[in-house]
Amino acid sequence: MALNEDKFGLLRYDPLRDPKADTTYECNRISIEPSDYVKDLEVHMSQNLTFTRQIDIAAERNKEYMLTLWKTLVLPKPVCCCQLWSSHKEGDIAKLEAVQRTFTSRIEGMQGLNYWERLKELRL
């Protein structure tokens, strides 16, 4: 069977012994070095059996990720058939703007920018 050595990860954990044992592992005569964490099926596991890295990744709010969420899940709702109902009341417009104002304030790197600066930076 052909194995891809680039896809191997080695975590050592043994609560009763030092996890840095002298045992070595190889694939296709290439040594597999121990790691602090490995990713398997999109789950990040660490040597100390915590999921801090997984939680950090799940809670990430980077610009690209958040804009994708905005454009695919949030924006279609308020713009659906807007040509028909086209709001002209200030209160209605303020409600819709509040959603965007709140959402954009939670994107990494947007702290410290006012609403209009965030819209310019995000090209919205």
PDB file of N, CA and C in Angstrom:
ATOM      1  N   MET A   1       0.846  -1.163   0.000  1.00  0.00           N
ATOM      2  CA  MET A   1       0.000   0.000   0.000  1.00  0.00           C
ATOM      3  C   MET A   1       0.902   1.241   0.000  1.00  0.00           C
ATOM      4  N   ALA A   2       0.599   2.200  -0.864  1.00  0.00           N
ATOM      5  CA  ALA A   2       1.358   3.442  -0.908  1.00  0.00           C
ATOM      6  C   ALA A   2       0.772   4.416   0.119  1.00  0.00           C
ATOM      7  N   LEU A   3       1.644   4.986   0.918  1.00  0.00           N
ATOM      8  CA  LEU A   3       1.221   5.936   1.943  1.00  0.00           C
ATOM      9  C   LEU A   3       1.852   7.301   1.687  1.00  0.00           C
ATOM     10  N   ASN A   4       1.132   8.333   2.025  1.00  0.00           N
ATOM     11  CA  ASN A   4       1.633   9.695   1.858  1.00  0.00           C
ATOM     12  C   ASN A   4       2.199  10.170   3.190  1.00  0.00           C
ATOM     13  N   GLU A   5       3.513  10.222   3.280  1.00  0.00           N
ATOM     14  CA  GLU A   5       4.160  10.590   4.547  1.00  0.00           C
ATOM     15  C   GLU A   5       3.855  12.023   4.973  1.00  0.00           C
ATOM     16  N   ASP A   6       3.461  12.884   4.037  1.00  0.00           N
ATOM     17  CA  ASP A   6       3.125  14.271   4.390  1.00  0.00           C
ATOM     18  C   ASP A   6       1.823  14.373   5.193  1.00  0.00           C
ATOM     19  N   LYS A   7       1.040  13.319   5.167  1.00  0.00           N
ATOM     20  CA  LYS A   7      -0.243  13.354   5.870  1.00  0.00           C
ATOM     21  C   LYS A   7      -0.205  12.663   7.231  1.00  0.00           C
ATOM     22  N   PHE A   8       0.977  12.274   7.664  1.00  0.00           N
ATOM     23  CA  PHE A   8       1.108  11.645   8.964  1.00  0.00           C
ATOM     24  C   PHE A   8       1.369  12.695  10.027  1.00  0.00           C
ATOM     25  N   GLY A   9       0.804  12.481  11.196  1.00  0.00           N
ATOM     26  CA  GLY A   9       1.093  13.326  12.343  1.00  0.00           C
ATOM     27  C   GLY A   9       1.303  12.431  13.549  1.00  0.00           C
ATOM     28  N   LEU A  10       2.156  12.849  14.450  1.00  0.00           N
ATOM     29  CA  LEU A  10       2.456  12.033  15.615  1.00  0.00           C
ATOM     30  C   LEU A  10       2.239  12.851  16.878  1.00  0.00           C
ATOM     31  N   LEU A  11       1.306  12.394  17.696  1.00  0.00           N
ATOM     32  CA  LEU A  11       1.089  12.960  19.027  1.00  0.00           C
ATOM     33  C   LEU A  11       1.483  11.892  20.027  1.00  0.00           C
ATOM     34  N   ARG A  12       2.197  12.288  21.030  1.00  0.00           N
ATOM     35  CA  ARG A  12       2.561  11.348  22.087  1.00  0.00           C
ATOM     36  C   ARG A  12       1.888  11.795  23.369  1.00  0.00           C
ATOM     37  N   TYR A  13       1.129  10.867  23.942  1.00  0.00           N
ATOM     38  CA  TYR A  13       0.474  11.166  25.206  1.00  0.00           C
ATOM     39  C   TYR A  13       0.461   9.896  26.057  1.00  0.00           C
ATOM     40  N   ASP A  14       0.989  10.015  27.237  1.00  0.00           N
ATOM     41  CA  ASP A  14       0.948   8.910  28.190  1.00  0.00           C
ATOM     42  C   ASP A  14       1.010   9.543  29.572  1.00  0.00           C
ATOM     43  N   PRO A  15      -0.090   9.527  30.318  1.00  0.00           N
ATOM     44  CA  PRO A  15      -0.098  10.197  31.615  1.00  0.00           C
ATOM     45  C   PRO A  15       0.824   9.544  32.645  1.00  0.00           C
ATOM     46  N   LEU A  16       1.244   8.312  32.387  1.00  0.00           N
ATOM     47  CA  LEU A  16       2.068   7.607  33.357  1.00  0.00           C
ATOM     48  C   LEU A  16       3.567   7.728  33.074  1.00  0.00           C
ATOM     49  N   ARG A  17       3.920   8.131  31.847  1.00  0.00           N
ATOM     50  CA  ARG A  17       5.335   8.233  31.481  1.00  0.00           C
ATOM     51  C   ARG A  17       5.594   9.554  30.779  1.00  0.00           C
ATOM     52  N   ASP A  18       6.865   9.838  30.607  1.00  0.00           N
ATOM     53  CA  ASP A  18       7.247  11.014  29.837  1.00  0.00           C
ATOM     54  C   ASP A  18       6.837  10.780  28.380  1.00  0.00           C
ATOM     55  N   PRO A  19       5.993  11.671  27.805  1.00  0.00           N
ATOM     56  CA  PRO A  19       5.540  11.447  26.430  1.00  0.00           C
ATOM     57  C   PRO A  19       6.637  11.615  25.385  1.00  0.00           C
ATOM     58  N   LYS A  20       7.806  12.061  25.778  1.00  0.00           N
ATOM     59  CA  LYS A  20       8.898  12.221  24.817  1.00  0.00           C
ATOM     60  C   LYS A  20       9.791  10.972  24.831  1.00  0.00           C
ATOM     61  N   ALA A  21       9.162   9.857  24.629  1.00  0.00           N
ATOM     62  CA  ALA A  21       9.887   8.585  24.622  1.00  0.00           C
ATOM     63  C   ALA A  21      10.838   8.539  23.426  1.00  0.00           C
ATOM     64  N   ASP A  22      11.767   7.600  23.488  1.00  0.00           N
ATOM     65  CA  ASP A  22      12.772   7.484  22.430  1.00  0.00           C
ATOM     66  C   ASP A  22      12.281   6.720  21.209  1.00  0.00           C
ATOM     67  N   THR A  23      11.053   6.254  21.211  1.00  0.00           N
ATOM     68  CA  THR A  23      10.530   5.501  20.079  1.00  0.00           C
ATOM     69  C   THR A  23      10.461   6.397  18.847  1.00  0.00           C
ATOM     70  N   THR A  24      10.902   5.880  17.720  1.00  0.00           N
ATOM     71  CA  THR A  24      10.810   6.633  16.467  1.00  0.00           C
ATOM     72  C   THR A  24       9.861   5.916  15.524  1.00  0.00           C
ATOM     73  N   TYR A  25       9.241   6.700  14.663  1.00  0.00           N
ATOM     74  CA  TYR A  25       8.295   6.159  13.687  1.00  0.00           C
ATOM     75  C   TYR A  25       8.709   6.640  12.307  1.00  0.00           C
ATOM     76  N   GLU A  26       8.495   5.765  11.316  1.00  0.00           N
ATOM     77  CA  GLU A  26       8.876   6.094   9.949  1.00  0.00           C
ATOM     78  C   GLU A  26       7.777   5.712   8.986  1.00  0.00           C
ATOM     79  N   CYS A  27       7.740   6.416   7.864  1.00  0.00           N
ATOM     80  CA  CYS A  27       6.867   6.073   6.745  1.00  0.00           C
ATOM     81  C   CYS A  27       7.705   6.240   5.486  1.00  0.00           C
ATOM     82  N   ASN A  28       7.797   5.214   4.700  1.00  0.00           N
ATOM     83  CA  ASN A  28       8.620   5.248   3.482  1.00  0.00           C
ATOM     84  C   ASN A  28      10.052   5.695   3.794  1.00  0.00           C
ATOM     85  N   ARG A  29      10.556   5.208   4.917  1.00  0.00           N
ATOM     86  CA  ARG A  29      11.921   5.502   5.390  1.00  0.00           C
ATOM     87  C   ARG A  29      12.142   6.981   5.741  1.00  0.00           C
ATOM     88  N   ILE A  30      11.049   7.706   5.949  1.00  0.00           N
ATOM     89  CA  ILE A  30      11.131   9.100   6.390  1.00  0.00           C
ATOM     90  C   ILE A  30      10.610   9.159   7.811  1.00  0.00           C
ATOM     91  N   SER A  31      11.391   9.760   8.686  1.00  0.00           N
ATOM     92  CA  SER A  31      11.029   9.835  10.100  1.00  0.00           C
ATOM     93  C   SER A  31       9.815  10.740  10.298  1.00  0.00           C
ATOM     94  N   ILE A  32       8.885  10.299  11.133  1.00  0.00           N
ATOM     95  CA  ILE A  32       7.715  11.107  11.486  1.00  0.00           C
ATOM     96  C   ILE A  32       8.006  11.746  12.831  1.00  0.00           C
ATOM     97  N   GLU A  33       8.117  13.056  12.823  1.00  0.00           N
ATOM     98  CA  GLU A  33       8.463  13.795  14.031  1.00  0.00           C
ATOM     99  C   GLU A  33       7.209  14.083  14.862  1.00  0.00           C
ATOM    100  N   PRO A  34       7.347  14.041  16.189  1.00  0.00           N
ATOM    101  CA  PRO A  34       6.204  14.377  17.039  1.00  0.00           C
ATOM    102  C   PRO A  34       5.812  15.851  16.882  1.00  0.00           C
ATOM    103  N   SER A  35       4.527  16.135  17.058  1.00  0.00           N
ATOM    104  CA  SER A  35       4.006  17.498  16.936  1.00  0.00           C
ATOM    105  C   SER A  35       3.290  17.883  18.222  1.00  0.00           C
ATOM    106  N   ASP A  36       3.104  19.175  18.404  1.00  0.00           N
ATOM    107  CA  ASP A  36       2.301  19.652  19.533  1.00  0.00           C
ATOM    108  C   ASP A  36       0.819  19.441  19.262  1.00  0.00           C
ATOM    109  N   TYR A  37       0.454  19.438  17.972  1.00  0.00           N
ATOM    110  CA  TYR A  37      -0.937  19.183  17.604  1.00  0.00           C
ATOM    111  C   TYR A  37      -0.972  18.580  16.203  1.00  0.00           C
ATOM    112  N   VAL A  38      -2.061  17.904  15.900  1.00  0.00           N
ATOM    113  CA  VAL A  38      -2.312  17.398  14.551  1.00  0.00           C
ATOM    114  C   VAL A  38      -3.768  17.678  14.199  1.00  0.00           C
ATOM    115  N   LYS A  39      -4.036  17.715  12.896  1.00  0.00           N
ATOM    116  CA  LYS A  39      -5.398  17.923  12.409  1.00  0.00           C
ATOM    117  C   LYS A  39      -5.855  16.638  11.739  1.00  0.00           C
ATOM    118  N   ASP A  40      -7.010  16.157  12.133  1.00  0.00           N
ATOM    119  CA  ASP A  40      -7.584  14.956  11.540  1.00  0.00           C
ATOM    120  C   ASP A  40      -9.074  15.191  11.343  1.00  0.00           C
ATOM    121  N   LEU A  41      -9.525  15.090  10.108  1.00  0.00           N
ATOM    122  CA  LEU A  41     -10.934  15.323   9.783  1.00  0.00           C
ATOM    123  C   LEU A  41     -11.420  16.674  10.316  1.00  0.00           C
ATOM    124  N   GLU A  42     -10.580  17.698  10.117  1.00  0.00           N
ATOM    125  CA  GLU A  42     -10.882  19.083  10.522  1.00  0.00           C
ATOM    126  C   GLU A  42     -10.961  19.292  12.028  1.00  0.00           C
ATOM    127  N   VAL A  43     -10.485  18.331  12.812  1.00  0.00           N
ATOM    128  CA  VAL A  43     -10.422  18.486  14.266  1.00  0.00           C
ATOM    129  C   VAL A  43      -8.953  18.620  14.645  1.00  0.00           C
ATOM    130  N   HIS A  44      -8.636  19.684  15.359  1.00  0.00           N
ATOM    131  CA  HIS A  44      -7.263  19.926  15.803  1.00  0.00           C
ATOM    132  C   HIS A  44      -7.095  19.356  17.209  1.00  0.00           C
ATOM    133  N   MET A  45      -6.204  18.362  17.330  1.00  0.00           N
ATOM    134  CA  MET A  45      -5.955  17.728  18.613  1.00  0.00           C
ATOM    135  C   MET A  45      -4.550  18.099  19.084  1.00  0.00           C
ATOM    136  N   SER A  46      -4.421  18.305  20.385  1.00  0.00           N
ATOM    137  CA  SER A  46      -3.118  18.704  20.913  1.00  0.00           C
ATOM    138  C   SER A  46      -2.515  17.591  21.751  1.00  0.00           C
ATOM    139  N   GLN A  47      -1.230  17.712  21.979  1.00  0.00           N
ATOM    140  CA  GLN A  47      -0.488  16.721  22.749  1.00  0.00           C
ATOM    141  C   GLN A  47      -0.984  16.652  24.194  1.00  0.00           C
ATOM    142  N   ASN A  48      -1.466  17.778  24.719  1.00  0.00           N
ATOM    143  CA  ASN A  48      -1.937  17.780  26.111  1.00  0.00           C
ATOM    144  C   ASN A  48      -3.448  17.544  26.216  1.00  0.00           C
ATOM    145  N   LEU A  49      -4.061  17.095  25.118  1.00  0.00           N
ATOM    146  CA  LEU A  49      -5.481  16.733  25.058  1.00  0.00           C
ATOM    147  C   LEU A  49      -6.431  17.898  25.345  1.00  0.00           C
ATOM    148  N   THR A  50      -6.042  19.100  24.969  1.00  0.00           N
ATOM    149  CA  THR A  50      -6.950  20.233  25.040  1.00  0.00           C
ATOM    150  C   THR A  50      -7.369  20.590  23.623  1.00  0.00           C
ATOM    151  N   PHE A  51      -8.461  21.283  23.500  1.00  0.00           N
ATOM    152  CA  PHE A  51      -8.976  21.671  22.198  1.00  0.00           C
ATOM    153  C   PHE A  51      -8.929  23.183  22.018  1.00  0.00           C
ATOM    154  N   THR A  52      -7.972  23.825  22.674  1.00  0.00           N
ATOM    155  CA  THR A  52      -7.856  25.279  22.588  1.00  0.00           C
ATOM    156  C   THR A  52      -7.667  25.737  21.150  1.00  0.00           C
ATOM    157  N   ARG A  53      -6.807  25.074  20.406  1.00  0.00           N
ATOM    158  CA  ARG A  53      -6.576  25.455  19.003  1.00  0.00           C
ATOM    159  C   ARG A  53      -7.856  25.295  18.186  1.00  0.00           C
ATOM    160  N   GLN A  54      -8.593  24.219  18.389  1.00  0.00           N
ATOM    161  CA  GLN A  54      -9.851  23.992  17.679  1.00  0.00           C
ATOM    162  C   GLN A  54     -10.855  25.106  17.990  1.00  0.00           C
ATOM    163  N   ILE A  55     -10.929  25.488  19.236  1.00  0.00           N
ATOM    164  CA  ILE A  55     -11.858  26.543  19.646  1.00  0.00           C
ATOM    165  C   ILE A  55     -11.429  27.884  19.067  1.00  0.00           C
ATOM    166  N   ASP A  56     -10.132  28.164  19.068  1.00  0.00           N
ATOM    167  CA  ASP A  56      -9.631  29.404  18.477  1.00  0.00           C
ATOM    168  C   ASP A  56      -9.999  29.496  16.999  1.00  0.00           C
ATOM    169  N   ILE A  57      -9.859  28.405  16.289  1.00  0.00           N
ATOM    170  CA  ILE A  57     -10.184  28.385  14.861  1.00  0.00           C
ATOM    171  C   ILE A  57     -11.686  28.539  14.655  1.00  0.00           C
ATOM    172  N   ALA A  58     -12.487  27.865  15.483  1.00  0.00           N
ATOM    173  CA  ALA A  58     -13.942  27.954  15.361  1.00  0.00           C
ATOM    174  C   ALA A  58     -14.458  29.354  15.665  1.00  0.00           C
ATOM    175  N   ALA A  59     -13.763  30.075  16.548  1.00  0.00           N
ATOM    176  CA  ALA A  59     -14.205  31.414  16.948  1.00  0.00           C
ATOM    177  C   ALA A  59     -13.591  32.515  16.088  1.00  0.00           C
ATOM    178  N   GLU A  60     -12.828  32.139  15.095  1.00  0.00           N
ATOM    179  CA  GLU A  60     -12.129  33.119  14.262  1.00  0.00           C
ATOM    180  C   GLU A  60     -13.123  34.007  13.515  1.00  0.00           C
ATOM    181  N   ARG A  61     -12.794  35.272  13.424  1.00  0.00           N
ATOM    182  CA  ARG A  61     -13.655  36.227  12.734  1.00  0.00           C
ATOM    183  C   ARG A  61     -12.850  37.044  11.729  1.00  0.00           C
ATOM    184  N   ASN A  62     -12.065  36.354  10.903  1.00  0.00           N
ATOM    185  CA  ASN A  62     -11.254  37.098   9.936  1.00  0.00           C
ATOM    186  C   ASN A  62     -12.136  37.687   8.846  1.00  0.00           C
ATOM    187  N   LYS A  63     -11.607  38.691   8.169  1.00  0.00           N
ATOM    188  CA  LYS A  63     -12.381  39.468   7.211  1.00  0.00           C
ATOM    189  C   LYS A  63     -12.960  38.610   6.089  1.00  0.00           C
ATOM    190  N   GLU A  64     -12.149  37.770   5.490  1.00  0.00           N
ATOM    191  CA  GLU A  64     -12.617  36.952   4.365  1.00  0.00           C
ATOM    192  C   GLU A  64     -13.763  36.025   4.776  1.00  0.00           C
ATOM    193  N   TYR A  65     -13.603  35.364   5.895  1.00  0.00           N
ATOM    194  CA  TYR A  65     -14.611  34.434   6.389  1.00  0.00           C
ATOM    195  C   TYR A  65     -15.916  35.172   6.716  1.00  0.00           C
ATOM    196  N   MET A  66     -15.798  36.282   7.422  1.00  0.00           N
ATOM    197  CA  MET A  66     -16.993  37.027   7.832  1.00  0.00           C
ATOM    198  C   MET A  66     -17.719  37.643   6.634  1.00  0.00           C
ATOM    199  N   LEU A  67     -16.982  38.136   5.644  1.00  0.00           N
ATOM    200  CA  LEU A  67     -17.641  38.688   4.463  1.00  0.00           C
ATOM    201  C   LEU A  67     -18.369  37.608   3.677  1.00  0.00           C
ATOM    202  N   THR A  68     -17.799  36.415   3.630  1.00  0.00           N
ATOM    203  CA  THR A  68     -18.493  35.305   2.972  1.00  0.00           C
ATOM    204  C   THR A  68     -19.798  34.995   3.694  1.00  0.00           C
ATOM    205  N   LEU A  69     -19.756  34.953   5.017  1.00  0.00           N
ATOM    206  CA  LEU A  69     -20.986  34.737   5.783  1.00  0.00           C
ATOM    207  C   LEU A  69     -22.004  35.847   5.522  1.00  0.00           C
ATOM    208  N   TRP A  70     -21.530  37.085   5.531  1.00  0.00           N
ATOM    209  CA  TRP A  70     -22.418  38.223   5.317  1.00  0.00           C
ATOM    210  C   TRP A  70     -23.112  38.126   3.953  1.00  0.00           C
ATOM    211  N   LYS A  71     -22.334  37.894   2.919  1.00  0.00           N
ATOM    212  CA  LYS A  71     -22.875  37.909   1.559  1.00  0.00           C
ATOM    213  C   LYS A  71     -23.748  36.702   1.230  1.00  0.00           C
ATOM    214  N   THR A  72     -23.500  35.577   1.891  1.00  0.00           N
ATOM    215  CA  THR A  72     -24.271  34.373   1.560  1.00  0.00           C
ATOM    216  C   THR A  72     -25.431  34.100   2.514  1.00  0.00           C
ATOM    217  N   LEU A  73     -25.291  34.472   3.780  1.00  0.00           N
ATOM    218  CA  LEU A  73     -26.323  34.118   4.746  1.00  0.00           C
ATOM    219  C   LEU A  73     -27.137  35.300   5.277  1.00  0.00           C
ATOM    220  N   VAL A  74     -26.518  36.466   5.383  1.00  0.00           N
ATOM    221  CA  VAL A  74     -27.207  37.595   6.012  1.00  0.00           C
ATOM    222  C   VAL A  74     -27.790  38.549   4.980  1.00  0.00           C
ATOM    223  N   LEU A  75     -26.997  39.021   4.050  1.00  0.00           N
ATOM    224  CA  LEU A  75     -27.418  40.038   3.098  1.00  0.00           C
ATOM    225  C   LEU A  75     -28.628  39.642   2.244  1.00  0.00           C
ATOM    226  N   PRO A  76     -28.742  38.390   1.796  1.00  0.00           N
ATOM    227  CA  PRO A  76     -29.907  38.058   0.965  1.00  0.00           C
ATOM    228  C   PRO A  76     -31.261  38.328   1.639  1.00  0.00           C
ATOM    229  N   LYS A  77     -31.331  38.224   2.938  1.00  0.00           N
ATOM    230  CA  LYS A  77     -32.604  38.425   3.641  1.00  0.00           C
ATOM    231  C   LYS A  77     -33.133  39.858   3.505  1.00  0.00           C
ATOM    232  N   PRO A  78     -32.350  40.893   3.853  1.00  0.00           N
ATOM    233  CA  PRO A  78     -32.896  42.244   3.744  1.00  0.00           C
ATOM    234  C   PRO A  78     -33.022  42.768   2.311  1.00  0.00           C
ATOM    235  N   VAL A  79     -32.310  42.192   1.344  1.00  0.00           N
ATOM    236  CA  VAL A  79     -32.411  42.712  -0.017  1.00  0.00           C
ATOM    237  C   VAL A  79     -33.386  41.927  -0.881  1.00  0.00           C
ATOM    238  N   CYS A  80     -33.973  40.885  -0.332  1.00  0.00           N
ATOM    239  CA  CYS A  80     -34.933  40.081  -1.088  1.00  0.00           C
ATOM    240  C   CYS A  80     -36.127  40.948  -1.517  1.00  0.00           C
ATOM    241  N   CYS A  81     -36.329  41.069  -2.801  1.00  0.00           N
ATOM    242  CA  CYS A  81     -37.441  41.840  -3.386  1.00  0.00           C
ATOM    243  C   CYS A  81     -37.448  43.309  -2.954  1.00  0.00           C
ATOM    244  N   CYS A  82     -36.268  43.862  -2.659  1.00  0.00           N
ATOM    245  CA  CYS A  82     -36.219  45.251  -2.188  1.00  0.00           C
ATOM    246  C   CYS A  82     -36.711  46.238  -3.245  1.00  0.00           C
ATOM    247  N   GLN A  83     -36.694  45.858  -4.511  1.00  0.00           N
ATOM    248  CA  GLN A  83     -37.235  46.735  -5.542  1.00  0.00           C
ATOM    249  C   GLN A  83     -38.735  46.944  -5.325  1.00  0.00           C
ATOM    250  N   LEU A  84     -39.400  45.947  -4.792  1.00  0.00           N
ATOM    251  CA  LEU A  84     -40.836  46.031  -4.544  1.00  0.00           C
ATOM    252  C   LEU A  84     -41.146  46.854  -3.303  1.00  0.00           C
ATOM    253  N   TRP A  85     -40.485  46.559  -2.204  1.00  0.00           N
ATOM    254  CA  TRP A  85     -40.834  47.224  -0.947  1.00  0.00           C
ATOM    255  C   TRP A  85     -39.946  48.411  -0.625  1.00  0.00           C
ATOM    256  N   SER A  86     -38.910  48.650  -1.393  1.00  0.00           N
ATOM    257  CA  SER A  86     -37.942  49.742  -1.239  1.00  0.00           C
ATOM    258  C   SER A  86     -38.279  50.717  -0.112  1.00  0.00           C
ATOM    259  N   SER A  87     -37.615  50.514   0.987  1.00  0.00           N
ATOM    260  CA  SER A  87     -37.890  51.323   2.174  1.00  0.00           C
ATOM    261  C   SER A  87     -37.410  52.754   1.998  1.00  0.00           C
ATOM    262  N   HIS A  88     -38.260  53.688   2.438  1.00  0.00           N
ATOM    263  CA  HIS A  88     -37.901  55.097   2.399  1.00  0.00           C
ATOM    264  C   HIS A  88     -38.073  55.746   3.769  1.00  0.00           C
ATOM    265  N   LYS A  89     -38.600  54.998   4.730  1.00  0.00           N
ATOM    266  CA  LYS A  89     -38.757  55.515   6.083  1.00  0.00           C
ATOM    267  C   LYS A  89     -37.431  55.419   6.819  1.00  0.00           C
ATOM    268  N   GLU A  90     -37.076  56.490   7.493  1.00  0.00           N
ATOM    269  CA  GLU A  90     -35.796  56.508   8.204  1.00  0.00           C
ATOM    270  C   GLU A  90     -35.701  55.392   9.242  1.00  0.00           C
ATOM    271  N   GLY A  91     -36.781  55.116   9.951  1.00  0.00           N
ATOM    272  CA  GLY A  91     -36.771  54.068  10.976  1.00  0.00           C
ATOM    273  C   GLY A  91     -36.515  52.691  10.394  1.00  0.00           C
ATOM    274  N   ASP A  92     -37.118  52.418   9.230  1.00  0.00           N
ATOM    275  CA  ASP A  92     -36.908  51.125   8.569  1.00  0.00           C
ATOM    276  C   ASP A  92     -35.472  50.990   8.073  1.00  0.00           C
ATOM    277  N   ILE A  93     -34.970  52.056   7.488  1.00  0.00           N
ATOM    278  CA  ILE A  93     -33.593  52.039   6.995  1.00  0.00           C
ATOM    279  C   ILE A  93     -32.626  51.863   8.170  1.00  0.00           C
ATOM    280  N   ALA A  94     -32.900  52.533   9.282  1.00  0.00           N
ATOM    281  CA  ALA A  94     -32.036  52.428  10.470  1.00  0.00           C
ATOM    282  C   ALA A  94     -31.994  50.998  10.999  1.00  0.00           C
ATOM    283  N   LYS A  95     -33.134  50.289  10.957  1.00  0.00           N
ATOM    284  CA  LYS A  95     -33.164  48.882  11.400  1.00  0.00           C
ATOM    285  C   LYS A  95     -32.245  48.024  10.545  1.00  0.00           C
ATOM    286  N   LEU A  96     -32.334  48.224   9.233  1.00  0.00           N
ATOM    287  CA  LEU A  96     -31.486  47.435   8.326  1.00  0.00           C
ATOM    288  C   LEU A  96     -30.013  47.802   8.491  1.00  0.00           C
ATOM    289  N   GLU A  97     -29.728  49.089   8.635  1.00  0.00           N
ATOM    290  CA  GLU A  97     -28.344  49.527   8.828  1.00  0.00           C
ATOM    291  C   GLU A  97     -27.777  49.003  10.143  1.00  0.00           C
ATOM    292  N   ALA A  98     -28.617  48.870  11.170  1.00  0.00           N
ATOM    293  CA  ALA A  98     -28.155  48.391  12.480  1.00  0.00           C
ATOM    294  C   ALA A  98     -27.607  46.969  12.374  1.00  0.00           C
ATOM    295  N   VAL A  99     -28.226  46.151  11.539  1.00  0.00           N
ATOM    296  CA  VAL A  99     -27.743  44.780  11.350  1.00  0.00           C
ATOM    297  C   VAL A  99     -26.327  44.812  10.768  1.00  0.00           C
ATOM    298  N   GLN A 100     -26.142  45.604   9.734  1.00  0.00           N
ATOM    299  CA  GLN A 100     -24.824  45.708   9.103  1.00  0.00           C
ATOM    300  C   GLN A 100     -23.811  46.367  10.032  1.00  0.00           C
ATOM    301  N   ARG A 101     -24.239  47.379  10.755  1.00  0.00           N
ATOM    302  CA  ARG A 101     -23.351  48.085  11.690  1.00  0.00           C
ATOM    303  C   ARG A 101     -22.814  47.115  12.743  1.00  0.00           C
ATOM    304  N   THR A 102     -23.711  46.300  13.316  1.00  0.00           N
ATOM    305  CA  THR A 102     -23.317  45.346  14.353  1.00  0.00           C
ATOM    306  C   THR A 102     -22.414  44.257  13.782  1.00  0.00           C
ATOM    307  N   PHE A 103     -22.800  43.714  12.639  1.00  0.00           N
ATOM    308  CA  PHE A 103     -22.029  42.632  12.031  1.00  0.00           C
ATOM    309  C   PHE A 103     -20.616  43.086  11.709  1.00  0.00           C
ATOM    310  N   THR A 104     -20.471  44.233  11.062  1.00  0.00           N
ATOM    311  CA  THR A 104     -19.140  44.687  10.650  1.00  0.00           C
ATOM    312  C   THR A 104     -18.258  45.048  11.841  1.00  0.00           C
ATOM    313  N   SER A 105     -18.851  45.414  12.957  1.00  0.00           N
ATOM    314  CA  SER A 105     -18.050  45.762  14.135  1.00  0.00           C
ATOM    315  C   SER A 105     -17.397  44.542  14.769  1.00  0.00           C
ATOM    316  N   ARG A 106     -17.861  43.360  14.414  1.00  0.00           N
ATOM    317  CA  ARG A 106     -17.338  42.132  15.015  1.00  0.00           C
ATOM    318  C   ARG A 106     -16.299  41.425  14.158  1.00  0.00           C
ATOM    319  N   ILE A 107     -15.918  42.036  13.068  1.00  0.00           N
ATOM    320  CA  ILE A 107     -14.910  41.449  12.182  1.00  0.00           C
ATOM    321  C   ILE A 107     -13.525  41.849  12.675  1.00  0.00           C
ATOM    322  N   GLU A 108     -12.601  40.879  12.711  1.00  0.00           N
ATOM    323  CA  GLU A 108     -11.230  41.158  13.144  1.00  0.00           C
ATOM    324  C   GLU A 108     -10.634  42.285  12.322  1.00  0.00           C
ATOM    325  N   GLY A 109      -9.977  43.211  12.991  1.00  0.00           N
ATOM    326  CA  GLY A 109      -9.314  44.312  12.314  1.00  0.00           C
ATOM    327  C   GLY A 109     -10.190  45.534  12.116  1.00  0.00           C
ATOM    328  N   MET A 110     -11.462  45.440  12.459  1.00  0.00           N
ATOM    329  CA  MET A 110     -12.371  46.565  12.261  1.00  0.00           C
ATOM    330  C   MET A 110     -12.566  47.388  13.539  1.00  0.00           C
ATOM    331  N   GLN A 111     -12.009  46.920  14.652  1.00  0.00           N
ATOM    332  CA  GLN A 111     -12.131  47.655  15.895  1.00  0.00           C
ATOM    333  C   GLN A 111     -11.389  48.982  15.737  1.00  0.00           C
ATOM    334  N   GLY A 112     -11.974  50.033  16.252  1.00  0.00           N
ATOM    335  CA  GLY A 112     -11.356  51.346  16.169  1.00  0.00           C
ATOM    336  C   GLY A 112     -11.763  52.127  14.933  1.00  0.00           C
ATOM    337  N   LEU A 113     -12.430  51.472  13.982  1.00  0.00           N
ATOM    338  CA  LEU A 113     -12.926  52.178  12.800  1.00  0.00           C
ATOM    339  C   LEU A 113     -14.395  52.520  13.009  1.00  0.00           C
ATOM    340  N   ASN A 114     -14.805  53.680  12.534  1.00  0.00           N
ATOM    341  CA  ASN A 114     -16.238  53.988  12.625  1.00  0.00           C
ATOM    342  C   ASN A 114     -16.978  53.222  11.527  1.00  0.00           C
ATOM    343  N   TYR A 115     -18.290  53.292  11.575  1.00  0.00           N
ATOM    344  CA  TYR A 115     -19.128  52.514  10.663  1.00  0.00           C
ATOM    345  C   TYR A 115     -18.776  52.778   9.201  1.00  0.00           C
ATOM    346  N   TRP A 116     -18.626  54.017   8.806  1.00  0.00           N
ATOM    347  CA  TRP A 116     -18.371  54.364   7.407  1.00  0.00           C
ATOM    348  C   TRP A 116     -16.971  53.926   6.979  1.00  0.00           C
ATOM    349  N   GLU A 117     -16.026  53.992   7.888  1.00  0.00           N
ATOM    350  CA  GLU A 117     -14.671  53.505   7.586  1.00  0.00           C
ATOM    351  C   GLU A 117     -14.681  51.986   7.402  1.00  0.00           C
ATOM    352  N   ARG A 118     -15.468  51.290   8.231  1.00  0.00           N
ATOM    353  CA  ARG A 118     -15.580  49.827   8.091  1.00  0.00           C
ATOM    354  C   ARG A 118     -16.179  49.473   6.734  1.00  0.00           C
ATOM    355  N   LEU A 119     -17.242  50.182   6.324  1.00  0.00           N
ATOM    356  CA  LEU A 119     -17.853  49.895   5.033  1.00  0.00           C
ATOM    357  C   LEU A 119     -16.855  50.108   3.893  1.00  0.00           C
ATOM    358  N   LYS A 120     -16.066  51.165   3.982  1.00  0.00           N
ATOM    359  CA  LYS A 120     -15.070  51.426   2.944  1.00  0.00           C
ATOM    360  C   LYS A 120     -13.998  50.341   2.931  1.00  0.00           C
ATOM    361  N   GLU A 121     -13.506  49.993   4.118  1.00  0.00           N
ATOM    362  CA  GLU A 121     -12.467  48.962   4.230  1.00  0.00           C
ATOM    363  C   GLU A 121     -12.960  47.604   3.722  1.00  0.00           C
ATOM    364  N   LEU A 122     -14.225  47.277   3.974  1.00  0.00           N
ATOM    365  CA  LEU A 122     -14.801  45.987   3.588  1.00  0.00           C
ATOM    366  C   LEU A 122     -15.413  46.020   2.195  1.00  0.00           C
ATOM    367  N   ARG A 123     -15.396  47.198   1.578  1.00  0.00           N
ATOM    368  CA  ARG A 123     -15.983  47.389   0.236  1.00  0.00           C
ATOM    369  C   ARG A 123     -17.454  47.023   0.196  1.00  0.00           C
ATOM    370  N   LEU A 124     -18.166  47.481   1.205  1.00  0.00           N
ATOM    371  CA  LEU A 124     -19.618  47.222   1.260  1.00  0.00           C
ATOM    372  C   LEU A 124     -20.391  48.496   0.938  1.00  0.00           C
TER     373      LEU A 124
END
